[in-house]
Amino acid sequence: MVNLTVDIKPSVTYSAYVEAPFDKAKEELEKAEYTVIRMQEGPASFVSRNGNWVREGVIYVPNKGRFLTKNSPIMANAQEATKCHRSNKEFYLTDAQVEESLADSVELSDKAIPTNRFAENPITVYAFGDIAEQYGQFLRNAGIKEMSIWLANQEDKPFARQMWLHRLVVDSRSVLDGYFRNLDYDGRVRGVRQGGEATAKNLEIKI
């Protein structure tokens, strides 16, 4: 039995989280009409105060590179991917899954991105969209000078991992984590759904 906890109820966006293996948490959120968060929602307090799985994934393609994608194959195959991790295996991809994921993606490197360059760096522009510059400023105001990117090593077959957006550590750290593999653990999966008339700009930002 897993429990969905609604801990944020602003007038525009409801946010709730489930602490359970990824497949069960995703199912519970969607049953309650919540959508797993995207990284574009990063400046909001509910993302920044706690680490969360996000909708984006990272795919590792031999002889090609490592890519952040908005078409995460894990989102479409949550049970299968979680089962692989439970067996200490990677979630390996078919050629069709790789092609679909690469259609909306950006190549990653493990080089940290200065927070004053978020509006210029293709990774942060892709990840955070129109709020890239705003999010960089948000991190700078928290004393964070750069965002780290953690990635796994390549293998001889393509595989995917889900992106984990780490909670902020004030004056220290912000991380995009494409290394974390443990979908089978009781990690936090957070979702949002719309309601009310206020705008998202009214959300309070905390660290």
N, C-alpha and C. Protein backbone atom coordinates (compact mmCIF):
# COMPACT_ATOMS: atom_id res chain seq x y z
N MET A 1 0.85 -1.20 0.00
CA MET A 1 0.00 0.00 0.00
C MET A 1 0.87 1.24 0.00
N VAL A 2 0.68 2.14 -0.97
CA VAL A 2 1.43 3.39 -1.01
C VAL A 2 0.47 4.53 -0.77
N ASN A 3 0.96 5.60 -0.19
CA ASN A 3 0.13 6.74 0.15
C ASN A 3 0.54 7.96 -0.64
N LEU A 4 -0.43 8.70 -1.17
CA LEU A 4 -0.20 9.96 -1.86
C LEU A 4 -0.46 11.08 -0.86
N THR A 5 0.54 11.96 -0.68
CA THR A 5 0.45 13.04 0.28
C THR A 5 0.36 14.37 -0.43
N VAL A 6 -0.75 15.07 -0.31
CA VAL A 6 -0.90 16.42 -0.87
C VAL A 6 -0.39 17.40 0.16
N ASP A 7 0.81 17.95 -0.08
CA ASP A 7 1.42 18.83 0.92
C ASP A 7 1.47 20.28 0.48
N ILE A 8 1.05 20.58 -0.76
CA ILE A 8 1.05 21.96 -1.25
C ILE A 8 -0.25 22.20 -1.99
N LYS A 9 -0.98 23.23 -1.61
CA LYS A 9 -2.27 23.53 -2.22
C LYS A 9 -2.39 25.02 -2.56
N PRO A 10 -1.55 25.55 -3.45
CA PRO A 10 -1.75 26.92 -3.90
C PRO A 10 -3.00 27.00 -4.77
N SER A 11 -3.43 28.22 -5.08
CA SER A 11 -4.68 28.36 -5.81
C SER A 11 -4.56 28.01 -7.27
N VAL A 12 -3.35 27.90 -7.80
CA VAL A 12 -3.22 27.57 -9.22
C VAL A 12 -2.74 26.15 -9.44
N THR A 13 -1.77 25.68 -8.69
CA THR A 13 -1.18 24.39 -8.94
C THR A 13 -1.13 23.57 -7.66
N TYR A 14 -1.76 22.42 -7.70
CA TYR A 14 -1.65 21.49 -6.58
C TYR A 14 -0.42 20.61 -6.82
N SER A 15 0.29 20.31 -5.76
CA SER A 15 1.43 19.43 -5.87
C SER A 15 1.35 18.36 -4.80
N ALA A 16 1.66 17.14 -5.18
CA ALA A 16 1.63 16.02 -4.26
C ALA A 16 2.81 15.11 -4.56
N TYR A 17 3.19 14.32 -3.59
CA TYR A 17 4.29 13.39 -3.83
C TYR A 17 3.94 12.02 -3.28
N VAL A 18 4.61 11.02 -3.83
CA VAL A 18 4.50 9.65 -3.36
C VAL A 18 5.91 9.14 -3.13
N GLU A 19 6.16 8.55 -1.98
CA GLU A 19 7.44 7.93 -1.70
C GLU A 19 7.27 6.42 -1.85
N ALA A 20 7.67 5.91 -3.00
CA ALA A 20 7.50 4.51 -3.35
C ALA A 20 8.38 4.22 -4.55
N PRO A 21 8.57 2.94 -4.91
CA PRO A 21 9.25 2.65 -6.17
C PRO A 21 8.62 3.43 -7.32
N PHE A 22 9.43 3.77 -8.32
CA PHE A 22 9.01 4.71 -9.36
C PHE A 22 7.72 4.28 -10.04
N ASP A 23 7.60 3.01 -10.38
CA ASP A 23 6.41 2.57 -11.12
C ASP A 23 5.14 2.72 -10.29
N LYS A 24 5.19 2.36 -9.03
CA LYS A 24 4.01 2.46 -8.17
C LYS A 24 3.68 3.93 -7.88
N ALA A 25 4.72 4.74 -7.67
CA ALA A 25 4.49 6.16 -7.39
C ALA A 25 3.88 6.86 -8.59
N LYS A 26 4.40 6.60 -9.77
CA LYS A 26 3.87 7.19 -11.00
C LYS A 26 2.41 6.78 -11.21
N GLU A 27 2.10 5.52 -10.99
CA GLU A 27 0.73 5.03 -11.15
C GLU A 27 -0.22 5.72 -10.17
N GLU A 28 0.23 5.88 -8.93
CA GLU A 28 -0.62 6.50 -7.91
C GLU A 28 -0.89 7.97 -8.23
N LEU A 29 0.16 8.68 -8.68
CA LEU A 29 -0.02 10.09 -9.06
C LEU A 29 -1.00 10.23 -10.23
N GLU A 30 -0.81 9.42 -11.25
CA GLU A 30 -1.66 9.54 -12.43
C GLU A 30 -3.10 9.14 -12.13
N LYS A 31 -3.29 8.21 -11.21
CA LYS A 31 -4.63 7.81 -10.80
C LYS A 31 -5.36 9.01 -10.18
N ALA A 32 -4.59 9.87 -9.50
CA ALA A 32 -5.17 11.06 -8.87
C ALA A 32 -5.10 12.28 -9.78
N GLU A 33 -4.82 12.05 -11.08
CA GLU A 33 -4.79 13.10 -12.11
C GLU A 33 -3.65 14.10 -11.92
N TYR A 34 -2.53 13.64 -11.36
CA TYR A 34 -1.32 14.44 -11.27
C TYR A 34 -0.38 14.04 -12.40
N THR A 35 0.42 14.99 -12.86
CA THR A 35 1.44 14.75 -13.88
C THR A 35 2.81 14.87 -13.24
N VAL A 36 3.68 13.90 -13.47
CA VAL A 36 5.04 13.96 -12.93
C VAL A 36 5.70 15.24 -13.38
N ILE A 37 6.37 15.93 -12.45
CA ILE A 37 6.93 17.25 -12.73
C ILE A 37 7.99 17.22 -13.81
N ARG A 38 8.11 18.34 -14.50
CA ARG A 38 9.23 18.58 -15.41
C ARG A 38 10.22 19.52 -14.74
N MET A 39 11.41 19.58 -15.29
CA MET A 39 12.42 20.43 -14.69
C MET A 39 12.11 21.91 -14.86
N GLN A 40 11.23 22.26 -15.80
CA GLN A 40 10.85 23.66 -15.97
C GLN A 40 10.17 24.22 -14.72
N GLU A 41 9.75 23.34 -13.83
CA GLU A 41 9.11 23.78 -12.60
C GLU A 41 10.12 23.94 -11.46
N GLY A 42 11.40 23.91 -11.80
CA GLY A 42 12.46 23.90 -10.80
C GLY A 42 12.46 25.01 -9.78
N PRO A 43 12.20 26.28 -10.10
CA PRO A 43 12.28 27.33 -9.10
C PRO A 43 11.23 27.23 -8.01
N ALA A 44 10.16 26.46 -8.24
CA ALA A 44 9.11 26.38 -7.24
C ALA A 44 9.62 25.69 -5.98
N SER A 45 9.09 26.09 -4.86
CA SER A 45 9.60 25.61 -3.57
C SER A 45 9.51 24.11 -3.40
N PHE A 46 8.47 23.50 -3.95
CA PHE A 46 8.30 22.07 -3.71
C PHE A 46 9.34 21.23 -4.42
N VAL A 47 9.98 21.74 -5.47
CA VAL A 47 11.06 21.03 -6.12
C VAL A 47 12.38 21.33 -5.42
N SER A 48 12.58 22.58 -5.08
CA SER A 48 13.87 23.02 -4.57
C SER A 48 14.18 22.52 -3.17
N ARG A 49 13.15 22.30 -2.37
CA ARG A 49 13.39 21.90 -0.99
C ARG A 49 13.65 20.41 -0.85
N ASN A 50 13.25 19.61 -1.84
CA ASN A 50 13.43 18.16 -1.78
C ASN A 50 13.81 17.63 -3.14
N GLY A 51 14.65 16.61 -3.16
CA GLY A 51 14.98 15.97 -4.42
C GLY A 51 13.78 15.20 -4.95
N ASN A 52 13.65 15.13 -6.27
CA ASN A 52 12.51 14.45 -6.90
C ASN A 52 12.93 13.83 -8.22
N TRP A 53 12.31 12.69 -8.56
CA TRP A 53 12.36 12.23 -9.94
C TRP A 53 11.58 13.23 -10.79
N VAL A 54 12.04 13.47 -12.01
CA VAL A 54 11.33 14.35 -12.95
C VAL A 54 10.99 13.56 -14.22
N ARG A 55 10.21 14.17 -15.10
CA ARG A 55 9.76 13.45 -16.30
C ARG A 55 10.89 13.19 -17.29
N GLU A 56 11.90 14.05 -17.30
CA GLU A 56 12.99 13.91 -18.25
C GLU A 56 13.86 12.68 -17.91
N GLY A 57 14.45 12.11 -18.93
CA GLY A 57 15.35 10.98 -18.73
C GLY A 57 16.68 11.22 -19.40
N VAL A 58 17.63 10.33 -19.11
CA VAL A 58 18.96 10.38 -19.74
C VAL A 58 19.17 9.06 -20.47
N ILE A 59 19.53 9.14 -21.74
CA ILE A 59 19.83 7.92 -22.47
C ILE A 59 21.32 7.90 -22.82
N TYR A 60 21.86 6.70 -22.76
CA TYR A 60 23.28 6.47 -23.00
C TYR A 60 23.41 5.63 -24.26
N VAL A 61 23.98 6.23 -25.30
CA VAL A 61 24.04 5.59 -26.61
C VAL A 61 25.51 5.36 -26.98
N PRO A 62 25.94 4.10 -27.12
CA PRO A 62 27.35 3.81 -27.43
C PRO A 62 27.80 4.53 -28.70
N ASN A 63 29.01 5.05 -28.64
CA ASN A 63 29.65 5.72 -29.77
C ASN A 63 28.91 6.97 -30.25
N LYS A 64 27.96 7.43 -29.43
CA LYS A 64 27.21 8.62 -29.82
C LYS A 64 27.20 9.66 -28.71
N GLY A 65 26.89 9.24 -27.49
CA GLY A 65 26.91 10.20 -26.39
C GLY A 65 25.84 9.91 -25.35
N ARG A 66 25.69 10.87 -24.46
CA ARG A 66 24.70 10.81 -23.39
C ARG A 66 23.77 12.00 -23.56
N PHE A 67 22.48 11.75 -23.51
CA PHE A 67 21.51 12.77 -23.92
C PHE A 67 20.40 12.91 -22.88
N LEU A 68 20.05 14.17 -22.60
CA LEU A 68 18.87 14.47 -21.81
C LEU A 68 17.69 14.53 -22.77
N THR A 69 16.61 13.81 -22.45
CA THR A 69 15.47 13.75 -23.36
C THR A 69 14.16 14.02 -22.62
N LYS A 70 13.25 14.69 -23.31
CA LYS A 70 11.91 14.90 -22.79
C LYS A 70 11.00 13.72 -23.14
N ASN A 71 11.51 12.81 -23.98
CA ASN A 71 10.79 11.59 -24.32
C ASN A 71 11.43 10.41 -23.59
N SER A 72 11.41 10.44 -22.29
CA SER A 72 12.06 9.38 -21.53
C SER A 72 11.36 8.05 -21.76
N PRO A 73 12.08 7.03 -22.23
CA PRO A 73 11.45 5.72 -22.42
C PRO A 73 11.03 5.08 -21.10
N ILE A 74 11.60 5.54 -19.99
CA ILE A 74 11.21 5.01 -18.69
C ILE A 74 9.80 5.44 -18.34
N MET A 75 9.40 6.65 -18.72
CA MET A 75 8.05 7.12 -18.43
C MET A 75 7.00 6.22 -19.09
N ALA A 76 7.32 5.71 -20.26
CA ALA A 76 6.37 4.85 -20.99
C ALA A 76 6.49 3.39 -20.58
N ASN A 77 7.53 3.06 -19.82
CA ASN A 77 7.78 1.67 -19.43
C ASN A 77 8.21 1.60 -17.98
N ALA A 78 7.47 2.28 -17.12
CA ALA A 78 7.89 2.43 -15.72
C ALA A 78 8.00 1.09 -15.00
N GLN A 79 7.05 0.20 -15.21
CA GLN A 79 7.09 -1.10 -14.52
C GLN A 79 8.29 -1.93 -14.96
N GLU A 80 8.52 -1.96 -16.27
CA GLU A 80 9.64 -2.75 -16.80
C GLU A 80 10.98 -2.18 -16.31
N ALA A 81 11.12 -0.84 -16.36
CA ALA A 81 12.37 -0.21 -15.93
C ALA A 81 12.62 -0.42 -14.44
N THR A 82 11.58 -0.28 -13.63
CA THR A 82 11.72 -0.49 -12.19
C THR A 82 12.09 -1.94 -11.89
N LYS A 83 11.50 -2.86 -12.62
CA LYS A 83 11.83 -4.28 -12.46
C LYS A 83 13.29 -4.55 -12.78
N CYS A 84 13.81 -3.91 -13.82
CA CYS A 84 15.23 -4.06 -14.17
C CYS A 84 16.12 -3.59 -13.02
N HIS A 85 15.81 -2.43 -12.47
CA HIS A 85 16.62 -1.89 -11.37
C HIS A 85 16.50 -2.76 -10.13
N ARG A 86 15.33 -3.33 -9.91
CA ARG A 86 15.14 -4.22 -8.76
C ARG A 86 16.04 -5.45 -8.89
N SER A 87 16.34 -5.83 -10.12
CA SER A 87 17.22 -6.98 -10.38
C SER A 87 18.67 -6.55 -10.59
N ASN A 88 18.95 -5.26 -10.28
CA ASN A 88 20.29 -4.71 -10.43
C ASN A 88 20.78 -4.75 -11.88
N LYS A 89 19.84 -4.48 -12.80
CA LYS A 89 20.16 -4.45 -14.22
C LYS A 89 19.78 -3.08 -14.80
N GLU A 90 20.40 -2.75 -15.93
CA GLU A 90 20.03 -1.54 -16.63
C GLU A 90 18.74 -1.77 -17.42
N PHE A 91 18.05 -0.68 -17.72
CA PHE A 91 16.90 -0.72 -18.61
C PHE A 91 17.42 -0.45 -20.02
N TYR A 92 17.68 -1.54 -20.76
CA TYR A 92 18.25 -1.42 -22.09
C TYR A 92 17.18 -1.05 -23.12
N LEU A 93 17.61 -0.35 -24.16
CA LEU A 93 16.68 0.23 -25.12
C LEU A 93 16.74 -0.45 -26.48
N THR A 94 15.59 -0.46 -27.15
CA THR A 94 15.55 -0.91 -28.54
C THR A 94 15.99 0.25 -29.44
N ASP A 95 16.26 -0.06 -30.70
CA ASP A 95 16.63 0.99 -31.65
C ASP A 95 15.50 2.01 -31.78
N ALA A 96 14.26 1.53 -31.77
CA ALA A 96 13.12 2.44 -31.90
C ALA A 96 13.02 3.37 -30.70
N GLN A 97 13.27 2.86 -29.51
CA GLN A 97 13.24 3.70 -28.31
C GLN A 97 14.34 4.75 -28.33
N VAL A 98 15.51 4.37 -28.80
CA VAL A 98 16.61 5.33 -28.91
C VAL A 98 16.24 6.43 -29.89
N GLU A 99 15.72 6.05 -31.04
CA GLU A 99 15.35 7.03 -32.07
C GLU A 99 14.29 8.00 -31.55
N GLU A 100 13.29 7.47 -30.86
CA GLU A 100 12.22 8.32 -30.33
C GLU A 100 12.76 9.27 -29.27
N SER A 101 13.65 8.79 -28.42
CA SER A 101 14.22 9.62 -27.36
C SER A 101 15.11 10.72 -27.91
N LEU A 102 15.89 10.40 -28.93
CA LEU A 102 16.80 11.38 -29.51
C LEU A 102 16.07 12.47 -30.30
N ALA A 103 14.82 12.22 -30.67
CA ALA A 103 14.06 13.20 -31.46
C ALA A 103 13.84 14.50 -30.71
N ASP A 104 13.85 14.45 -29.39
CA ASP A 104 13.69 15.66 -28.57
C ASP A 104 14.69 15.55 -27.43
N SER A 105 15.92 15.98 -27.69
CA SER A 105 16.98 15.75 -26.72
C SER A 105 18.09 16.78 -26.88
N VAL A 106 19.00 16.78 -25.91
CA VAL A 106 20.21 17.60 -25.99
C VAL A 106 21.36 16.77 -25.42
N GLU A 107 22.52 16.87 -26.05
CA GLU A 107 23.66 16.09 -25.57
C GLU A 107 24.18 16.67 -24.25
N LEU A 108 24.53 15.76 -23.36
CA LEU A 108 25.02 16.14 -22.04
C LEU A 108 26.53 15.99 -21.94
N SER A 109 27.11 16.75 -21.04
CA SER A 109 28.48 16.52 -20.60
C SER A 109 28.45 16.58 -19.08
N ASP A 110 29.51 16.09 -18.46
CA ASP A 110 29.55 16.11 -17.00
C ASP A 110 30.26 17.36 -16.47
N LYS A 111 30.38 18.37 -17.33
CA LYS A 111 31.00 19.62 -16.92
C LYS A 111 29.96 20.51 -16.24
N ALA A 112 30.30 21.01 -15.05
CA ALA A 112 29.37 21.86 -14.30
C ALA A 112 29.05 23.12 -15.09
N ILE A 113 27.82 23.62 -14.93
CA ILE A 113 27.35 24.79 -15.66
C ILE A 113 27.25 25.97 -14.71
N PRO A 114 27.99 27.07 -14.96
CA PRO A 114 27.88 28.25 -14.09
C PRO A 114 26.46 28.79 -14.08
N THR A 115 25.97 29.18 -12.94
CA THR A 115 24.59 29.65 -12.83
C THR A 115 24.37 30.99 -13.53
N ASN A 116 25.43 31.71 -13.84
CA ASN A 116 25.27 32.96 -14.59
C ASN A 116 25.29 32.73 -16.10
N ARG A 117 25.30 31.44 -16.52
CA ARG A 117 25.31 31.12 -17.94
C ARG A 117 24.11 30.25 -18.34
N PHE A 118 23.12 30.15 -17.48
CA PHE A 118 21.99 29.26 -17.75
C PHE A 118 21.22 29.65 -19.02
N ALA A 119 21.15 30.93 -19.31
CA ALA A 119 20.41 31.38 -20.49
C ALA A 119 21.18 31.13 -21.78
N GLU A 120 22.46 30.79 -21.67
CA GLU A 120 23.31 30.58 -22.84
C GLU A 120 23.65 29.12 -23.07
N ASN A 121 23.66 28.32 -22.01
CA ASN A 121 24.07 26.93 -22.14
C ASN A 121 22.93 26.09 -22.73
N PRO A 122 23.20 25.30 -23.77
CA PRO A 122 22.12 24.54 -24.41
C PRO A 122 21.46 23.51 -23.49
N ILE A 123 22.20 23.01 -22.51
CA ILE A 123 21.63 22.02 -21.59
C ILE A 123 20.59 22.66 -20.67
N THR A 124 20.95 23.78 -20.05
CA THR A 124 20.01 24.43 -19.14
C THR A 124 18.87 25.09 -19.89
N VAL A 125 19.12 25.57 -21.09
CA VAL A 125 18.03 26.13 -21.91
C VAL A 125 17.03 25.03 -22.23
N TYR A 126 17.54 23.86 -22.58
CA TYR A 126 16.66 22.72 -22.88
C TYR A 126 15.91 22.25 -21.63
N ALA A 127 16.65 22.15 -20.52
CA ALA A 127 16.07 21.61 -19.29
C ALA A 127 15.03 22.53 -18.67
N PHE A 128 15.33 23.84 -18.63
CA PHE A 128 14.49 24.78 -17.90
C PHE A 128 13.69 25.73 -18.79
N GLY A 129 13.91 25.66 -20.10
CA GLY A 129 13.10 26.44 -21.02
C GLY A 129 13.16 27.93 -20.77
N ASP A 130 12.00 28.57 -20.78
CA ASP A 130 11.91 30.03 -20.66
C ASP A 130 12.39 30.55 -19.31
N ILE A 131 12.45 29.69 -18.31
CA ILE A 131 12.86 30.15 -16.97
C ILE A 131 14.33 29.86 -16.69
N ALA A 132 15.12 29.49 -17.73
CA ALA A 132 16.53 29.14 -17.51
C ALA A 132 17.29 30.26 -16.80
N GLU A 133 17.18 31.48 -17.32
CA GLU A 133 17.89 32.60 -16.71
C GLU A 133 17.37 32.86 -15.29
N GLN A 134 16.06 32.80 -15.12
CA GLN A 134 15.45 33.01 -13.81
C GLN A 134 15.93 31.97 -12.80
N TYR A 135 16.02 30.73 -13.25
CA TYR A 135 16.46 29.67 -12.34
C TYR A 135 17.93 29.83 -11.97
N GLY A 136 18.75 30.24 -12.94
CA GLY A 136 20.15 30.51 -12.64
C GLY A 136 20.29 31.60 -11.59
N GLN A 137 19.48 32.67 -11.73
CA GLN A 137 19.50 33.75 -10.74
C GLN A 137 19.02 33.26 -9.39
N PHE A 138 18.00 32.42 -9.39
CA PHE A 138 17.48 31.83 -8.17
C PHE A 138 18.59 31.07 -7.42
N LEU A 139 19.38 30.29 -8.17
CA LEU A 139 20.47 29.54 -7.56
C LEU A 139 21.57 30.47 -7.05
N ARG A 140 21.88 31.50 -7.84
CA ARG A 140 22.90 32.45 -7.40
C ARG A 140 22.49 33.15 -6.11
N ASN A 141 21.21 33.48 -6.01
CA ASN A 141 20.71 34.11 -4.78
C ASN A 141 20.84 33.19 -3.58
N ALA A 142 20.89 31.89 -3.86
CA ALA A 142 21.06 30.90 -2.79
C ALA A 142 22.53 30.62 -2.52
N GLY A 143 23.43 31.33 -3.21
CA GLY A 143 24.86 31.15 -3.00
C GLY A 143 25.46 30.02 -3.79
N ILE A 144 24.74 29.53 -4.81
CA ILE A 144 25.22 28.42 -5.62
C ILE A 144 25.78 28.95 -6.94
N LYS A 145 27.05 28.70 -7.18
CA LYS A 145 27.74 29.28 -8.33
C LYS A 145 27.65 28.42 -9.59
N GLU A 146 27.38 27.12 -9.43
CA GLU A 146 27.32 26.26 -10.59
C GLU A 146 26.43 25.05 -10.31
N MET A 147 25.91 24.47 -11.37
CA MET A 147 25.11 23.25 -11.27
C MET A 147 25.92 22.09 -11.81
N SER A 148 26.07 21.06 -10.99
CA SER A 148 26.79 19.86 -11.41
C SER A 148 25.89 18.94 -12.22
N ILE A 149 26.51 18.12 -13.07
CA ILE A 149 25.78 17.10 -13.82
C ILE A 149 26.47 15.76 -13.55
N TRP A 150 25.74 14.82 -12.99
CA TRP A 150 26.28 13.51 -12.67
C TRP A 150 25.77 12.49 -13.67
N LEU A 151 26.69 11.77 -14.31
CA LEU A 151 26.33 10.83 -15.35
C LEU A 151 26.99 9.48 -15.13
N ALA A 152 26.35 8.44 -15.65
CA ALA A 152 26.89 7.09 -15.57
C ALA A 152 27.87 6.85 -16.73
N ASN A 153 28.60 5.74 -16.65
CA ASN A 153 29.49 5.35 -17.73
C ASN A 153 28.71 4.68 -18.85
N GLN A 154 29.21 4.81 -20.06
CA GLN A 154 28.60 4.15 -21.20
C GLN A 154 28.78 2.63 -21.10
N GLU A 155 27.90 1.91 -21.78
CA GLU A 155 28.04 0.47 -21.94
C GLU A 155 28.04 0.15 -23.43
N ASP A 156 28.08 -1.13 -23.75
CA ASP A 156 28.10 -1.49 -25.17
C ASP A 156 26.69 -1.59 -25.77
N LYS A 157 25.67 -1.36 -24.94
CA LYS A 157 24.28 -1.32 -25.41
C LYS A 157 23.63 -0.05 -24.87
N PRO A 158 22.69 0.53 -25.61
CA PRO A 158 22.02 1.75 -25.13
C PRO A 158 21.09 1.44 -23.95
N PHE A 159 21.07 2.35 -22.97
CA PHE A 159 20.19 2.19 -21.82
C PHE A 159 19.73 3.56 -21.35
N ALA A 160 18.74 3.56 -20.47
CA ALA A 160 18.17 4.81 -19.98
C ALA A 160 18.16 4.83 -18.46
N ARG A 161 18.29 6.02 -17.92
CA ARG A 161 18.06 6.26 -16.50
C ARG A 161 17.20 7.51 -16.39
N GLN A 162 16.39 7.56 -15.36
CA GLN A 162 15.54 8.71 -15.14
C GLN A 162 16.34 9.83 -14.49
N MET A 163 15.97 11.07 -14.77
CA MET A 163 16.69 12.20 -14.18
C MET A 163 16.16 12.48 -12.78
N TRP A 164 17.09 12.67 -11.85
CA TRP A 164 16.77 13.05 -10.47
C TRP A 164 17.28 14.48 -10.28
N LEU A 165 16.37 15.39 -9.90
CA LEU A 165 16.75 16.77 -9.62
C LEU A 165 16.96 16.90 -8.12
N HIS A 166 18.23 17.06 -7.72
CA HIS A 166 18.57 17.09 -6.30
C HIS A 166 18.00 18.33 -5.62
N ARG A 167 17.71 18.19 -4.34
CA ARG A 167 17.35 19.35 -3.54
C ARG A 167 18.55 20.29 -3.46
N LEU A 168 18.28 21.54 -3.23
CA LEU A 168 19.35 22.51 -3.12
C LEU A 168 20.04 22.42 -1.78
N VAL A 169 21.34 22.54 -1.80
CA VAL A 169 22.12 22.68 -0.58
C VAL A 169 22.65 24.10 -0.59
N VAL A 170 22.12 24.94 0.28
CA VAL A 170 22.41 26.37 0.26
C VAL A 170 23.91 26.61 0.38
N ASP A 171 24.42 27.54 -0.44
CA ASP A 171 25.84 27.90 -0.49
C ASP A 171 26.72 26.74 -0.92
N SER A 172 26.12 25.73 -1.55
CA SER A 172 26.95 24.58 -1.86
C SER A 172 26.62 23.95 -3.21
N ARG A 173 25.39 23.40 -3.38
CA ARG A 173 25.23 22.45 -4.47
C ARG A 173 23.85 22.46 -5.09
N SER A 174 23.84 22.30 -6.41
CA SER A 174 22.64 21.97 -7.17
C SER A 174 23.07 20.94 -8.21
N VAL A 175 22.28 19.89 -8.39
CA VAL A 175 22.73 18.78 -9.24
C VAL A 175 21.61 18.27 -10.14
N LEU A 176 21.94 18.08 -11.43
CA LEU A 176 21.14 17.26 -12.33
C LEU A 176 21.77 15.88 -12.31
N ASP A 177 21.03 14.89 -11.84
CA ASP A 177 21.60 13.57 -11.61
C ASP A 177 21.03 12.55 -12.59
N GLY A 178 21.83 12.21 -13.59
CA GLY A 178 21.48 11.15 -14.52
C GLY A 178 22.23 9.88 -14.21
N TYR A 179 22.84 9.82 -13.02
CA TYR A 179 23.61 8.66 -12.59
C TYR A 179 22.77 7.72 -11.72
N PHE A 180 21.90 8.29 -10.91
CA PHE A 180 21.10 7.55 -9.94
C PHE A 180 20.25 6.51 -10.64
N ARG A 181 20.35 5.24 -10.23
CA ARG A 181 19.67 4.16 -10.95
C ARG A 181 18.50 3.55 -10.18
N ASN A 182 18.35 3.85 -8.93
CA ASN A 182 17.50 3.04 -8.07
C ASN A 182 16.02 3.39 -8.13
N LEU A 183 15.38 3.08 -9.25
CA LEU A 183 13.94 3.29 -9.37
C LEU A 183 13.15 2.42 -8.40
N ASP A 184 13.76 1.33 -7.94
CA ASP A 184 13.06 0.39 -7.06
C ASP A 184 13.02 0.87 -5.62
N TYR A 185 13.81 1.89 -5.26
CA TYR A 185 13.78 2.41 -3.90
C TYR A 185 12.57 3.33 -3.72
N ASP A 186 12.26 3.61 -2.47
CA ASP A 186 11.14 4.51 -2.18
C ASP A 186 11.56 5.97 -2.32
N GLY A 187 11.88 6.34 -3.56
CA GLY A 187 12.26 7.72 -3.84
C GLY A 187 11.03 8.59 -3.97
N ARG A 188 11.24 9.90 -4.00
CA ARG A 188 10.13 10.83 -4.07
C ARG A 188 9.78 11.11 -5.54
N VAL A 189 8.54 10.83 -5.90
CA VAL A 189 8.02 11.17 -7.22
C VAL A 189 6.94 12.20 -7.00
N ARG A 190 7.13 13.39 -7.56
CA ARG A 190 6.20 14.48 -7.31
C ARG A 190 5.42 14.80 -8.58
N GLY A 191 4.15 15.12 -8.38
CA GLY A 191 3.30 15.48 -9.51
C GLY A 191 2.58 16.79 -9.26
N VAL A 192 2.08 17.38 -10.32
CA VAL A 192 1.32 18.64 -10.22
C VAL A 192 0.04 18.51 -11.02
N ARG A 193 -0.97 19.27 -10.62
CA ARG A 193 -2.18 19.41 -11.42
C ARG A 193 -2.71 20.82 -11.22
N GLN A 194 -3.43 21.30 -12.21
CA GLN A 194 -3.88 22.68 -12.20
C GLN A 194 -5.20 22.85 -11.47
N GLY A 195 -5.40 24.08 -10.92
CA GLY A 195 -6.65 24.40 -10.25
C GLY A 195 -6.63 25.84 -9.80
N GLY A 196 -7.78 26.52 -9.77
CA GLY A 196 -7.80 27.90 -9.31
C GLY A 196 -7.48 28.88 -10.40
N GLU A 197 -7.35 30.15 -10.02
CA GLU A 197 -7.20 31.22 -11.00
C GLU A 197 -5.89 31.98 -10.89
N ALA A 198 -5.12 31.78 -9.82
CA ALA A 198 -3.88 32.54 -9.67
C ALA A 198 -2.86 32.09 -10.69
N THR A 199 -1.78 32.85 -10.82
CA THR A 199 -0.72 32.48 -11.74
C THR A 199 0.41 31.83 -10.99
N ALA A 200 1.21 31.04 -11.73
CA ALA A 200 2.33 30.33 -11.10
C ALA A 200 3.35 31.30 -10.50
N LYS A 201 3.36 32.53 -10.96
CA LYS A 201 4.31 33.51 -10.45
C LYS A 201 4.07 33.84 -8.97
N ASN A 202 2.90 33.48 -8.48
CA ASN A 202 2.59 33.78 -7.09
C ASN A 202 3.16 32.76 -6.12
N LEU A 203 3.74 31.67 -6.64
CA LEU A 203 4.30 30.66 -5.76
C LEU A 203 5.50 31.23 -5.01
N GLU A 204 5.58 30.88 -3.74
CA GLU A 204 6.70 31.36 -2.93
C GLU A 204 7.91 30.48 -3.18
N ILE A 205 9.08 31.08 -3.30
CA ILE A 205 10.32 30.32 -3.51
C ILE A 205 11.07 30.26 -2.20
N LYS A 206 11.36 29.05 -1.76
CA LYS A 206 12.08 28.84 -0.51
C LYS A 206 13.24 27.88 -0.75
N ILE A 207 14.18 27.87 0.17
CA ILE A 207 15.29 26.91 0.10
C ILE A 207 15.39 26.23 1.46
